[in-house]
C-alpha atoms as a PDB file:
ATOM      1  CA  MET A   1       0.000   0.000   0.000  1.00  0.00           C
ATOM      2  CA  VAL A   2       1.378   3.392  -0.969  1.00  0.00           C
ATOM      3  CA  ILE A   3       2.121   5.699   1.953  1.00  0.00           C
ATOM      4  CA  HIS A   4       0.856   9.212   1.318  1.00  0.00           C
ATOM      5  CA  LEU A   5       3.322  11.030   3.536  1.00  0.00           C
ATOM      6  CA  LEU A   6       5.799  12.669   1.144  1.00  0.00           C
ATOM      7  CA  LEU A   7       9.205  13.543   2.582  1.00  0.00           C
ATOM      8  CA  LEU A   8      11.911  15.616   0.966  1.00  0.00           C
ATOM      9  CA  PHE A   9      15.564  15.067   1.713  1.00  0.00           C
ATOM     10  CA  LEU A  10      16.716  18.152  -0.196  1.00  0.00           C
ATOM     11  CA  ILE A  11      16.978  21.654   1.225  1.00  0.00           C
ATOM     12  CA  CYS A  12      13.687  23.501   1.570  1.00  0.00           C
ATOM     13  CA  TYR A  13      12.556  26.587   3.356  1.00  0.00           C
ATOM     14  CA  ALA A  14      10.191  25.254   5.997  1.00  0.00           C
ATOM     15  CA  PRO A  15       8.335  22.054   6.966  1.00  0.00           C
ATOM     16  CA  THR A  16       4.866  23.343   6.218  1.00  0.00           C
ATOM     17  CA  SER A  17       3.100  24.686   3.161  1.00  0.00           C
ATOM     18  CA  SER A  18       1.834  27.830   4.866  1.00  0.00           C
ATOM     19  CA  THR A  19       2.607  30.094   7.772  1.00  0.00           C
ATOM     20  CA  ALA A  20       0.279  30.826  10.646  1.00  0.00           C
ATOM     21  CA  ALA A  21      -0.900  33.875   8.744  1.00  0.00           C
ATOM     22  CA  GLY A  22      -1.821  31.757   5.739  1.00  0.00           C
ATOM     23  CA  VAL A  23       1.070  32.909   3.540  1.00  0.00           C
ATOM     24  CA  GLU A  24       2.487  30.200   1.306  1.00  0.00           C
ATOM     25  CA  VAL A  25       6.040  29.068   2.041  1.00  0.00           C
ATOM     26  CA  PRO A  26       8.289  28.135  -0.901  1.00  0.00           C
ATOM     27  CA  PHE A  27       9.869  24.750  -1.449  1.00  0.00           C
ATOM     28  CA  TYR A  28      12.880  26.542  -2.864  1.00  0.00           C
ATOM     29  CA  GLU A  29      14.163  30.062  -2.356  1.00  0.00           C
ATOM     30  CA  ASP A  30      17.173  31.470  -4.206  1.00  0.00           C
ATOM     31  CA  CYS A  31      18.229  35.052  -3.488  1.00  0.00           C
ATOM     32  CA  PRO A  32      21.948  35.411  -4.284  1.00  0.00           C
ATOM     33  CA  LYS A  33      23.954  37.763  -2.097  1.00  0.00           C
ATOM     34  CA  THR A  34      26.151  39.983  -4.263  1.00  0.00           C
ATOM     35  CA  ALA A  35      27.683  43.423  -3.801  1.00  0.00           C
ATOM     36  CA  ASP A  36      25.366  45.043  -6.347  1.00  0.00           C
ATOM     37  CA  GLY A  37      22.483  42.632  -5.928  1.00  0.00           C
ATOM     38  CA  THR A  38      20.144  44.691  -3.740  1.00  0.00           C
ATOM     39  CA  TYR A  39      17.937  47.709  -4.366  1.00  0.00           C
ATOM     40  CA  MET A  40      16.871  50.538  -2.107  1.00  0.00           C
ATOM     41  CA  PRO A  41      13.326  51.142  -0.854  1.00  0.00           C
ATOM     42  CA  ASN A  42      11.397  53.629  -3.017  1.00  0.00           C
ATOM     43  CA  SER A  43      14.005  53.293  -5.780  1.00  0.00           C
ATOM     44  CA  THR A  44      13.317  53.217  -9.512  1.00  0.00           C
ATOM     45  CA  TYR A  45      14.135  49.514  -9.540  1.00  0.00           C
ATOM     46  CA  GLN A  46      11.522  48.843  -6.864  1.00  0.00           C
ATOM     47  CA  SER A  47       8.915  50.836  -8.805  1.00  0.00           C
ATOM     48  CA  ASN A  48       9.719  48.910 -11.980  1.00  0.00           C
ATOM     49  CA  LEU A  49       9.535  45.620 -10.100  1.00  0.00           C
ATOM     50  CA  ALA A  50       6.114  46.513  -8.691  1.00  0.00           C
ATOM     51  CA  ALA A  51       4.845  47.392 -12.170  1.00  0.00           C
ATOM     52  CA  LEU A  52       6.234  44.181 -13.663  1.00  0.00           C
ATOM     53  CA  ALA A  53       4.774  42.104 -10.830  1.00  0.00           C
ATOM     54  CA  ALA A  54       1.308  43.534 -11.485  1.00  0.00           C
ATOM     55  CA  GLU A  55       1.613  42.716 -15.186  1.00  0.00           C
ATOM     56  CA  LEU A  56       2.871  39.172 -14.571  1.00  0.00           C
ATOM     57  CA  ILE A  57       0.109  38.494 -12.044  1.00  0.00           C
ATOM     58  CA  ARG A  58      -2.570  39.794 -14.407  1.00  0.00           C
ATOM     59  CA  ASN A  59      -1.357  37.778 -17.402  1.00  0.00           C
ATOM     60  CA  SER A  60      -0.677  34.613 -15.382  1.00  0.00           C
ATOM     61  CA  THR A  61      -4.180  34.784 -13.950  1.00  0.00           C
ATOM     62  CA  GLU A  62      -5.618  34.872 -17.466  1.00  0.00           C
ATOM     63  CA  TYR A  63      -3.210  32.599 -19.314  1.00  0.00           C
ATOM     64  CA  GLY A  64      -1.460  30.467 -16.661  1.00  0.00           C
ATOM     65  CA  SER A  65       1.991  32.000 -17.071  1.00  0.00           C
ATOM     66  CA  ALA A  66       3.690  35.175 -18.240  1.00  0.00           C
ATOM     67  CA  ALA A  67       7.117  36.587 -19.040  1.00  0.00           C
ATOM     68  CA  GLY A  68       8.336  40.102 -19.684  1.00  0.00           C
ATOM     69  CA  SER A  69      10.357  43.113 -18.598  1.00  0.00           C
ATOM     70  CA  PHE A  70       9.715  46.626 -17.353  1.00  0.00           C
ATOM     71  CA  GLY A  71      11.788  49.792 -17.258  1.00  0.00           C
ATOM     72  CA  ALA A  72      15.042  50.908 -18.841  1.00  0.00           C
ATOM     73  CA  ALA A  73      18.682  50.301 -17.988  1.00  0.00           C
ATOM     74  CA  PRO A  74      20.141  50.405 -15.423  1.00  0.00           C
ATOM     75  CA  ASP A  75      16.861  49.716 -13.590  1.00  0.00           C
ATOM     76  CA  VAL A  76      15.156  47.293 -15.990  1.00  0.00           C
ATOM     77  CA  VAL A  77      13.559  44.241 -14.358  1.00  0.00           C
ATOM     78  CA  TYR A  78      12.966  40.900 -16.105  1.00  0.00           C
ATOM     79  CA  GLY A  79      10.467  38.360 -14.808  1.00  0.00           C
ATOM     80  CA  VAL A  80       8.618  35.090 -15.338  1.00  0.00           C
ATOM     81  CA  ALA A  81       5.638  33.788 -13.363  1.00  0.00           C
ATOM     82  CA  LEU A  82       3.670  30.549 -13.645  1.00  0.00           C
ATOM     83  CA  CYS A  83       0.638  29.017 -11.983  1.00  0.00           C
ATOM     84  CA  ARG A  84      -0.045  25.298 -12.265  1.00  0.00           C
ATOM     85  CA  GLY A  85      -2.589  24.522 -14.950  1.00  0.00           C
ATOM     86  CA  ASP A  86      -5.290  23.570 -12.439  1.00  0.00           C
ATOM     87  CA  SER A  87      -4.684  26.668 -10.273  1.00  0.00           C
ATOM     88  CA  LYS A  88      -5.643  29.543 -12.543  1.00  0.00           C
ATOM     89  CA  ASP A  89      -7.948  32.549 -12.195  1.00  0.00           C
ATOM     90  CA  SER A  90      -8.414  34.122  -8.758  1.00  0.00           C
ATOM     91  CA  LEU A  91      -6.476  31.319  -7.077  1.00  0.00           C
ATOM     92  CA  CYS A  92      -3.435  32.200  -9.174  1.00  0.00           C
ATOM     93  CA  THR A  93      -3.879  35.898  -8.428  1.00  0.00           C
ATOM     94  CA  GLY A  94      -3.789  35.331  -4.693  1.00  0.00           C
ATOM     95  CA  TYR A  95      -0.835  32.965  -4.846  1.00  0.00           C
ATOM     96  CA  LEU A  96       1.370  35.220  -6.943  1.00  0.00           C
ATOM     97  CA  ARG A  97       0.412  38.445  -5.191  1.00  0.00           C
ATOM     98  CA  GLY A  98       1.391  36.949  -1.851  1.00  0.00           C
ATOM     99  CA  ALA A  99       4.687  35.655  -3.244  1.00  0.00           C
ATOM    100  CA  PHE A 100       5.637  38.959  -4.871  1.00  0.00           C
ATOM    101  CA  ASP A 101       4.674  40.863  -1.715  1.00  0.00           C
ATOM    102  CA  ALA A 102       6.929  38.586   0.347  1.00  0.00           C
ATOM    103  CA  ALA A 103       9.779  38.935  -2.153  1.00  0.00           C
ATOM    104  CA  MET A 104       9.412  42.735  -2.080  1.00  0.00           C
ATOM    105  CA  ASN A 105       9.290  42.978   1.749  1.00  0.00           C
ATOM    106  CA  LYS A 106       5.610  43.936   1.818  1.00  0.00           C
ATOM    107  CA  THR A 107       4.588  41.300   4.384  1.00  0.00           C
ATOM    108  CA  ASP A 108       5.361  40.599   8.028  1.00  0.00           C
ATOM    109  CA  ARG A 109       7.420  37.633   6.853  1.00  0.00           C
ATOM    110  CA  PRO A 110       9.510  39.017   3.980  1.00  0.00           C
ATOM    111  CA  LEU A 111      11.776  36.963   1.766  1.00  0.00           C
ATOM    112  CA  CYS A 112      15.060  37.851   0.095  1.00  0.00           C
ATOM    113  CA  GLU A 113      15.727  41.249   1.741  1.00  0.00           C
ATOM    114  CA  LEU A 114      15.279  43.493  -1.306  1.00  0.00           C
ATOM    115  CA  ARG A 115      17.407  41.332  -3.601  1.00  0.00           C
ATOM    116  CA  LYS A 116      17.380  42.030  -7.333  1.00  0.00           C
ATOM    117  CA  ASN A 117      17.639  38.369  -8.370  1.00  0.00           C
ATOM    118  CA  VAL A 118      14.958  36.170  -6.791  1.00  0.00           C
ATOM    119  CA  THR A 119      13.589  32.708  -7.570  1.00  0.00           C
ATOM    120  CA  LEU A 120      10.730  31.200  -5.548  1.00  0.00           C
ATOM    121  CA  TYR A 121       9.247  27.748  -6.237  1.00  0.00           C
ATOM    122  CA  TYR A 122       6.020  26.737  -4.516  1.00  0.00           C
ATOM    123  CA  ASP A 123       3.740  23.730  -4.878  1.00  0.00           C
ATOM    124  CA  ARG A 124       1.269  25.318  -7.320  1.00  0.00           C
ATOM    125  CA  PHE A 125       3.051  28.422  -8.586  1.00  0.00           C
ATOM    126  CA  GLN A 126       6.457  30.020  -9.017  1.00  0.00           C
ATOM    127  CA  LEU A 127       8.230  33.218  -9.985  1.00  0.00           C
ATOM    128  CA  ARG A 128      11.603  34.614 -10.883  1.00  0.00           C
ATOM    129  CA  PHE A 129      12.768  38.184 -11.420  1.00  0.00           C
ATOM    130  CA  SER A 130      16.194  39.695 -12.018  1.00  0.00           C
ATOM    131  CA  ASP A 131      18.088  42.744 -13.227  1.00  0.00           C
ATOM    132  CA  ARG A 132      19.728  40.437 -15.807  1.00  0.00           C
ATOM    133  CA  ASP A 133      17.944  39.278 -18.960  1.00  0.00           C
ATOM    134  CA  PHE A 134      17.193  35.587 -18.385  1.00  0.00           C
ATOM    135  CA  VAL A 135      13.874  35.836 -20.269  1.00  0.00           C
ATOM    136  CA  SER A 136      14.944  35.995 -23.904  1.00  0.00           C
ATOM    137  CA  GLY A 137      17.157  32.899 -23.700  1.00  0.00           C
ATOM    138  CA  TYR A 138      14.392  30.667 -22.245  1.00  0.00           C
ATOM    139  CA  GLY A 139      16.830  29.206 -19.720  1.00  0.00           C
ATOM    140  CA  ASN A 140      15.356  26.876 -17.106  1.00  0.00           C
ATOM    141  CA  GLU A 141      17.808  27.643 -14.322  1.00  0.00           C
ATOM    142  CA  PRO A 142      17.794  27.323 -11.430  1.00  0.00           C
ATOM    143  CA  GLU A 143      16.408  23.771 -11.519  1.00  0.00           C
ATOM    144  CA  TRP A 144      15.412  22.060  -8.286  1.00  0.00           C
ATOM    145  CA  PRO A 145      14.814  18.297  -7.904  1.00  0.00           C
ATOM    146  CA  LEU A 146      12.636  16.831  -5.156  1.00  0.00           C
ATOM    147  CA  ASN A 147      12.184  13.149  -4.328  1.00  0.00           C
ATOM    148  CA  ASN A 148       9.552  11.148  -2.490  1.00  0.00           C
ATOM    149  CA  THR A 149      11.519   8.924  -0.085  1.00  0.00           C
ATOM    150  CA  ASN A 150       9.274   5.847  -0.428  1.00  0.00           C
ATOM    151  CA  VAL A 151      10.508   3.257  -2.922  1.00  0.00           C
ATOM    152  CA  VAL A 152       9.072   0.548  -5.136  1.00  0.00           C
ATOM    153  CA  ASN A 153      10.068  -3.079  -4.717  1.00  0.00           C
ATOM    154  CA  ALA A 154      13.654  -3.520  -5.909  1.00  0.00           C
ATOM    155  CA  SER A 155      12.606  -6.304  -8.260  1.00  0.00           C
ATOM    156  CA  VAL A 156      10.429  -3.920 -10.301  1.00  0.00           C
ATOM    157  CA  ALA A 157      12.512  -0.730 -10.030  1.00  0.00           C
ATOM    158  CA  GLY A 158      13.763  -0.942 -13.613  1.00  0.00           C
ATOM    159  CA  ARG A 159      10.288  -1.485 -14.980  1.00  0.00           C
ATOM    160  CA  PHE A 160       8.970   1.392 -12.872  1.00  0.00           C
ATOM    161  CA  ARG A 161      11.578   3.785 -14.294  1.00  0.00           C
ATOM    162  CA  GLU A 162      10.545   2.812 -17.826  1.00  0.00           C
ATOM    163  CA  HIS A 163       6.873   3.213 -16.940  1.00  0.00           C
ATOM    164  CA  VAL A 164       7.404   6.701 -15.504  1.00  0.00           C
ATOM    165  CA  ALA A 165       9.486   7.820 -18.486  1.00  0.00           C
ATOM    166  CA  ALA A 166       6.847   6.605 -20.946  1.00  0.00           C
ATOM    167  CA  LEU A 167       4.075   8.386 -19.038  1.00  0.00           C
ATOM    168  CA  LEU A 168       6.023  11.638 -18.768  1.00  0.00           C
ATOM    169  CA  ASN A 169       6.935  11.597 -22.458  1.00  0.00           C
ATOM    170  CA  ALA A 170       3.338  10.988 -23.512  1.00  0.00           C
ATOM    171  CA  THR A 171       2.166  13.780 -21.229  1.00  0.00           C
ATOM    172  CA  ALA A 172       4.867  16.102 -22.602  1.00  0.00           C
ATOM    173  CA  ASP A 173       3.799  15.291 -26.173  1.00  0.00           C
ATOM    174  CA  ASP A 174       0.306  16.429 -25.268  1.00  0.00           C
ATOM    175  CA  ALA A 175       1.377  19.516 -23.297  1.00  0.00           C
ATOM    176  CA  GLU A 176       3.353  21.013 -26.173  1.00  0.00           C
ATOM    177  CA  THR A 177       0.187  21.097 -28.308  1.00  0.00           C
ATOM    178  CA  GLN A 178      -1.923  22.859 -25.663  1.00  0.00           C
ATOM    179  CA  PRO A 179      -2.198  26.677 -25.633  1.00  0.00           C
ATOM    180  CA  ASP A 180      -1.291  26.779 -21.935  1.00  0.00           C
ATOM    181  CA  ARG A 181       1.535  24.212 -22.372  1.00  0.00           C
ATOM    182  CA  TYR A 182       0.090  22.133 -19.505  1.00  0.00           C
ATOM    183  CA  GLY A 183      -0.553  18.412 -19.481  1.00  0.00           C
ATOM    184  CA  THR A 184      -1.523  15.656 -17.067  1.00  0.00           C
ATOM    185  CA  GLY A 185      -1.714  11.901 -17.371  1.00  0.00           C
ATOM    186  CA  ASP A 186      -2.043   8.654 -15.471  1.00  0.00           C
ATOM    187  CA  SER A 187      -1.209   5.014 -16.045  1.00  0.00           C
ATOM    188  CA  TRP A 188      -1.830   1.800 -14.105  1.00  0.00           C
ATOM    189  CA  PHE A 189       1.394   0.126 -12.917  1.00  0.00           C
ATOM    190  CA  GLN A 190       0.446  -3.504 -12.579  1.00  0.00           C
ATOM    191  CA  GLU A 191       3.572  -4.651 -10.723  1.00  0.00           C
ATOM    192  CA  GLU A 192       2.682  -2.485  -7.714  1.00  0.00           C
ATOM    193  CA  ARG A 193      -1.055  -2.470  -8.406  1.00  0.00           C
ATOM    194  CA  SER A 194      -1.203   1.305  -8.225  1.00  0.00           C
ATOM    195  CA  MET A 195      -1.768   4.319 -10.444  1.00  0.00           C
ATOM    196  CA  VAL A 196       1.101   6.576 -11.483  1.00  0.00           C
ATOM    197  CA  TYR A 197       0.226  10.232 -12.092  1.00  0.00           C
ATOM    198  CA  ALA A 198       2.230  12.765 -14.096  1.00  0.00           C
ATOM    199  CA  LEU A 199       2.097  16.515 -14.649  1.00  0.00           C
ATOM    200  CA  VAL A 200       4.250  18.651 -16.940  1.00  0.00           C
ATOM    201  CA  GLN A 201       4.110  22.327 -17.824  1.00  0.00           C
ATOM    202  CA  CYS A 202       6.007  25.034 -19.711  1.00  0.00           C
ATOM    203  CA  THR A 203       5.470  28.765 -19.792  1.00  0.00           C
ATOM    204  CA  ARG A 204       2.959  29.503 -22.536  1.00  0.00           C
ATOM    205  CA  ASP A 205       5.235  31.906 -24.441  1.00  0.00           C
ATOM    206  CA  MET A 206       7.427  28.954 -25.443  1.00  0.00           C
ATOM    207  CA  ALA A 207       6.865  27.616 -28.959  1.00  0.00           C
ATOM    208  CA  PRO A 208       5.709  23.967 -29.027  1.00  0.00           C
ATOM    209  CA  GLY A 209       9.100  22.645 -30.097  1.00  0.00           C
ATOM    210  CA  ARG A 210      10.968  24.710 -27.516  1.00  0.00           C
ATOM    211  CA  CYS A 211       8.607  23.549 -24.771  1.00  0.00           C
ATOM    212  CA  ARG A 212       8.991  19.905 -25.766  1.00  0.00           C
ATOM    213  CA  ALA A 213      12.778  20.217 -25.893  1.00  0.00           C
ATOM    214  CA  CYS A 214      12.835  21.723 -22.399  1.00  0.00           C
ATOM    215  CA  LEU A 215      10.677  18.904 -21.048  1.00  0.00           C
ATOM    216  CA  GLN A 216      12.682  16.273 -22.904  1.00  0.00           C
ATOM    217  CA  ARG A 217      15.886  17.500 -21.336  1.00  0.00           C
ATOM    218  CA  ILE A 218      14.640  17.322 -17.748  1.00  0.00           C
ATOM    219  CA  ILE A 219      12.985  13.941 -18.400  1.00  0.00           C
ATOM    220  CA  SER A 220      16.254  12.634 -19.837  1.00  0.00           C
ATOM    221  CA  GLU A 221      18.251  14.040 -16.924  1.00  0.00           C
ATOM    222  CA  MET A 222      15.942  12.609 -14.262  1.00  0.00           C
ATOM    223  CA  PRO A 223      18.318   9.674 -13.535  1.00  0.00           C
ATOM    224  CA  LEU A 224      21.011  12.241 -12.672  1.00  0.00           C
ATOM    225  CA  MET A 225      18.740  14.326 -10.446  1.00  0.00           C
ATOM    226  CA  LEU A 226      16.288  11.834  -8.927  1.00  0.00           C
ATOM    227  CA  ASP A 227      16.365   8.309  -7.582  1.00  0.00           C
ATOM    228  CA  ALA A 228      13.967   6.808 -10.088  1.00  0.00           C
ATOM    229  CA  SER A 229      13.172   3.823  -7.851  1.00  0.00           C
ATOM    230  CA  GLN A 230      11.373   6.184  -5.472  1.00  0.00           C
ATOM    231  CA  ILE A 231       7.654   6.462  -5.997  1.00  0.00           C
ATOM    232  CA  GLY A 232       7.534  10.176  -6.701  1.00  0.00           C
ATOM    233  CA  GLY A 233       9.577  13.171  -7.683  1.00  0.00           C
ATOM    234  CA  ARG A 234       9.581  16.493  -9.407  1.00  0.00           C
ATOM    235  CA  VAL A 235      11.971  18.791 -11.235  1.00  0.00           C
ATOM    236  CA  LEU A 236      11.137  22.478 -10.923  1.00  0.00           C
ATOM    237  CA  GLY A 237      12.524  25.015 -13.379  1.00  0.00           C
ATOM    238  CA  VAL A 238      11.771  28.573 -14.444  1.00  0.00           C
ATOM    239  CA  ARG A 239      10.544  27.568 -17.911  1.00  0.00           C
ATOM    240  CA  CYS A 240       9.436  23.941 -17.600  1.00  0.00           C
ATOM    241  CA  LEU A 241       8.697  21.465 -14.843  1.00  0.00           C
ATOM    242  CA  LEU A 242       7.534  17.921 -14.200  1.00  0.00           C
ATOM    243  CA  ARG A 243       6.131  15.830 -11.386  1.00  0.00           C
ATOM    244  CA  TYR A 244       5.126  12.191 -11.012  1.00  0.00           C
ATOM    245  CA  GLU A 245       3.694  10.179  -8.118  1.00  0.00           C
ATOM    246  CA  MET A 246       2.596   6.597  -7.596  1.00  0.00           C
ATOM    247  CA  ALA A 247      -0.424   6.922  -5.317  1.00  0.00           C
ATOM    248  CA  SER A 248      -4.040   5.936  -4.843  1.00  0.00           C
ATOM    249  CA  ASN A 249      -5.202   9.514  -5.537  1.00  0.00           C
ATOM    250  CA  SER A 250      -4.114  12.128  -8.053  1.00  0.00           C
ATOM    251  CA  PHE A 251      -2.283  15.275  -6.935  1.00  0.00           C
ATOM    252  CA  PHE A 252      -3.878  17.345  -9.719  1.00  0.00           C
ATOM    253  CA  ARG A 253      -7.425  17.891 -10.911  1.00  0.00           C
ATOM    254  CA  VAL A 254      -8.330  15.251 -13.460  1.00  0.00           C
ATOM    255  CA  ASP A 255     -10.299  16.648 -16.407  1.00  0.00           C
ATOM    256  CA  ASN A 256     -11.161  15.723 -19.979  1.00  0.00           C
ATOM    257  CA  ARG A 257      -7.643  16.647 -21.086  1.00  0.00           C
ATOM    258  CA  THR A 258      -5.963  14.154 -18.762  1.00  0.00           C
ATOM    259  CA  LEU A 259      -4.354  11.264 -20.644  1.00  0.00           C
ATOM    260  CA  HIS A 260      -5.177   7.740 -19.485  1.00  0.00           C
ATOM    261  CA  LEU A 261      -2.469   5.460 -20.847  1.00  0.00           C
ATOM    262  CA  GLN A 262      -3.367   2.287 -18.974  1.00  0.00           C
ATOM    263  CA  LYS A 263      -6.627   2.407 -17.065  1.00  0.00           C
ATOM    264  CA  GLN A 264      -7.587   0.601 -13.918  1.00  0.00           C
ATOM    265  CA  PRO A 265     -11.053  -0.820 -14.637  1.00  0.00           C
ATOM    266  CA  ASN A 266     -14.112   0.533 -12.821  1.00  0.00           C
ATOM    267  CA  ARG A 267     -12.313   3.178 -10.823  1.00  0.00           C
ATOM    268  CA  THR A 268     -13.166   6.823 -10.178  1.00  0.00           C
ATOM    269  CA  ILE A 269     -10.095   9.004  -9.641  1.00  0.00           C
ATOM    270  CA  PRO A 270     -10.502  11.419  -6.705  1.00  0.00           C
ATOM    271  CA  PHE A 271      -8.358  14.486  -6.102  1.00  0.00           C
ATOM    272  CA  THR A 272      -5.994  15.010  -3.202  1.00  0.00           C
ATOM    273  CA  ASN A 273      -3.602  17.838  -2.531  1.00  0.00           C
ATOM    274  CA  ALA A 274      -0.547  15.912  -1.367  1.00  0.00           C
ATOM    275  CA  THR A 275       1.910  17.858   0.770  1.00  0.00           C
ATOM    276  CA  TYR A 276       5.681  17.698   0.606  1.00  0.00           C
ATOM    277  CA  TYR A 277       7.585  18.048   3.852  1.00  0.00           C
ATOM    278  CA  CYS A 278      11.168  19.252   4.259  1.00  0.00           C
ATOM    279  CA  LEU A 279      13.788  17.819   6.558  1.00  0.00           C
ATOM    280  CA  LEU A 280      16.242  20.719   6.357  1.00  0.00           C
ATOM    281  CA  LYS A 281      15.997  24.468   6.605  1.00  0.00           C
ATOM    282  CA  LYS A 282      17.337  26.846   3.978  1.00  0.00           C
ATOM    283  CA  PRO A 283      21.138  27.277   4.249  1.00  0.00           C
ATOM    284  CA  TYR A 284      21.076  30.987   4.912  1.00  0.00           C
END
């Protein structure tokens, strides 16, 4: 029987998904400390960042993701934001607004201390902004792998890795054709008598081929980043991401776009919002 407690052994920010005040806490927080990497309160850079944040939130709410820039050198700000395909509309607005407010020191629990280069990855949404142009090159860095610590039986580990790769590739093939570049899928894994669920997504400004290439690269590099014998994992990146889980319930909302590669007969798939837990605090 699959255990639903998901544990992370990689560095995360905090062991819960929200603070007491209800503010989401990121899985991953990257705010490099450099001599010229901060901005002053009420500066032009801060004003440009606020304007860009509003634009990214508005477009992500409508389309699922957004990328762009605001201002002129030396105070131009570049940014990308994404909400998971089943977390759009007002839900996305609230998520991203809270994250940008925290990144810009507008909450009682600020993040990143007025840094110019910030990346925040959460369960259902993410953002990055910088004073350097990372947008035009479609780079996926920084990438962040997370593993579920439960494992499949050693005798079927090889077959499980093949099963996961096939499901992720099929889901990626579908996602690249969708306007929002989002795809989900599931497939029955007979050896463990359990469903495997997969989710992939790119930012919608990526052309189909570019999206598929980004997903193909992180799928291909999974053996280097994740222990594929473990029953779940994800790779988070600025431009594309993936997640898979072997579980009795899906971690995303199943809809008429969800692929069903190998069905379990006579079964209704419920929805559960599985929670990842962290064992370590952030290193700074």
